[in-house]
């Protein structure tokens, strides 16, 4: 079985398991980057909590991002 991953500097921490996964999830990964940049700029917690909760992030993930927004969580996007 051949495996590979696709990454991009524009979506730090995101790993796409296939071309199909990248096509489907790059917009979401870019949105996460925008949210984190906005949070870094404003330090407004509601930016993280409201928007990342809407994207399905769990409390522990949001807390980790809030504690260190420059460090990206590794997020794997896959399509079965």
Protein backbone atom coordinates (compact mmCIF):
# COMPACT_ATOMS: atom_id res chain seq x y z
CA UNK A 1 0.00 0.00 0.00
CA UNK A 2 1.45 3.35 -1.04
CA UNK A 3 1.04 6.27 1.34
CA UNK A 4 1.86 9.93 0.96
CA UNK A 5 0.93 13.29 2.34
CA UNK A 6 0.54 16.80 0.97
CA UNK A 7 1.50 19.85 3.03
CA UNK A 8 1.66 23.58 2.34
CA UNK A 9 3.24 26.55 4.13
CA UNK A 10 -0.11 28.34 3.75
CA UNK A 11 -1.79 25.71 5.91
CA UNK A 12 0.76 25.13 8.67
CA UNK A 13 0.19 21.91 10.58
CA UNK A 14 -2.29 20.55 8.04
CA UNK A 15 -1.52 17.27 6.32
CA UNK A 16 -3.68 16.09 3.45
CA UNK A 17 -3.61 12.35 2.76
CA UNK A 18 -4.55 12.64 -0.89
CA UNK A 19 -5.23 15.09 -3.68
CA UNK A 20 -8.94 14.59 -3.07
CA UNK A 21 -8.54 15.45 0.62
CA UNK A 22 -6.59 18.59 -0.30
CA UNK A 23 -9.26 19.71 -2.75
CA UNK A 24 -11.99 19.16 -0.17
CA UNK A 25 -10.27 20.54 2.94
CA UNK A 26 -7.82 23.28 1.88
CA UNK A 27 -10.56 25.94 2.24
CA UNK A 28 -11.17 24.84 5.84
CA UNK A 29 -7.44 24.76 6.64
CA UNK A 30 -7.04 28.27 5.21
CA UNK A 31 -9.99 29.43 7.31
CA UNK A 32 -8.32 28.02 10.45
CA UNK A 33 -5.16 29.95 9.56
CA UNK A 34 -7.21 33.15 9.16
CA UNK A 35 -8.90 32.62 12.53
CA UNK A 36 -5.58 32.04 14.29
CA UNK A 37 -3.98 35.09 12.65
CA UNK A 38 -6.96 37.20 13.71
CA UNK A 39 -6.59 35.90 17.25
CA UNK A 40 -2.85 36.64 17.27
CA UNK A 41 -3.58 40.19 16.15
CA UNK A 42 -6.47 40.96 18.52
CA UNK A 43 -6.10 38.43 21.38
CA UNK A 44 -9.90 38.30 21.40
CA UNK A 45 -10.81 34.82 22.79
CA UNK A 46 -14.25 34.77 21.17
CA UNK A 47 -12.57 34.65 17.76
CA UNK A 48 -11.09 31.27 18.61
CA UNK A 49 -13.94 29.85 20.63
CA UNK A 50 -16.83 30.80 18.36
CA UNK A 51 -15.25 30.14 15.01
CA UNK A 52 -13.23 27.02 15.84
CA UNK A 53 -16.16 25.49 17.71
CA UNK A 54 -18.23 26.01 14.57
CA UNK A 55 -15.56 24.13 12.61
CA UNK A 56 -15.78 21.18 15.03
CA UNK A 57 -12.69 21.81 17.13
CA UNK A 58 -12.80 20.41 20.66
CA UNK A 59 -12.17 22.41 23.83
CA UNK A 60 -8.71 20.91 24.38
CA UNK A 61 -7.66 21.81 20.84
CA UNK A 62 -8.86 25.41 21.18
CA UNK A 63 -7.14 25.74 24.56
CA UNK A 64 -3.87 24.51 23.04
CA UNK A 65 -4.12 27.04 20.21
CA UNK A 66 -5.00 29.86 22.62
CA UNK A 67 -2.00 29.00 24.81
CA UNK A 68 0.44 29.07 21.91
CA UNK A 69 -1.09 30.38 18.67
CA UNK A 70 2.24 30.25 16.80
CA UNK A 71 2.45 26.49 17.29
CA UNK A 72 0.09 24.65 14.99
CA UNK A 73 -1.59 21.42 15.94
CA UNK A 74 -0.97 18.69 13.41
CA UNK A 75 -4.27 18.15 11.67
CA UNK A 76 -4.69 15.28 9.24
CA UNK A 77 -7.38 15.58 6.61
CA UNK A 78 -8.42 12.41 4.82
CA UNK A 79 -11.13 11.27 2.48
CA UNK A 80 -12.10 7.61 2.55
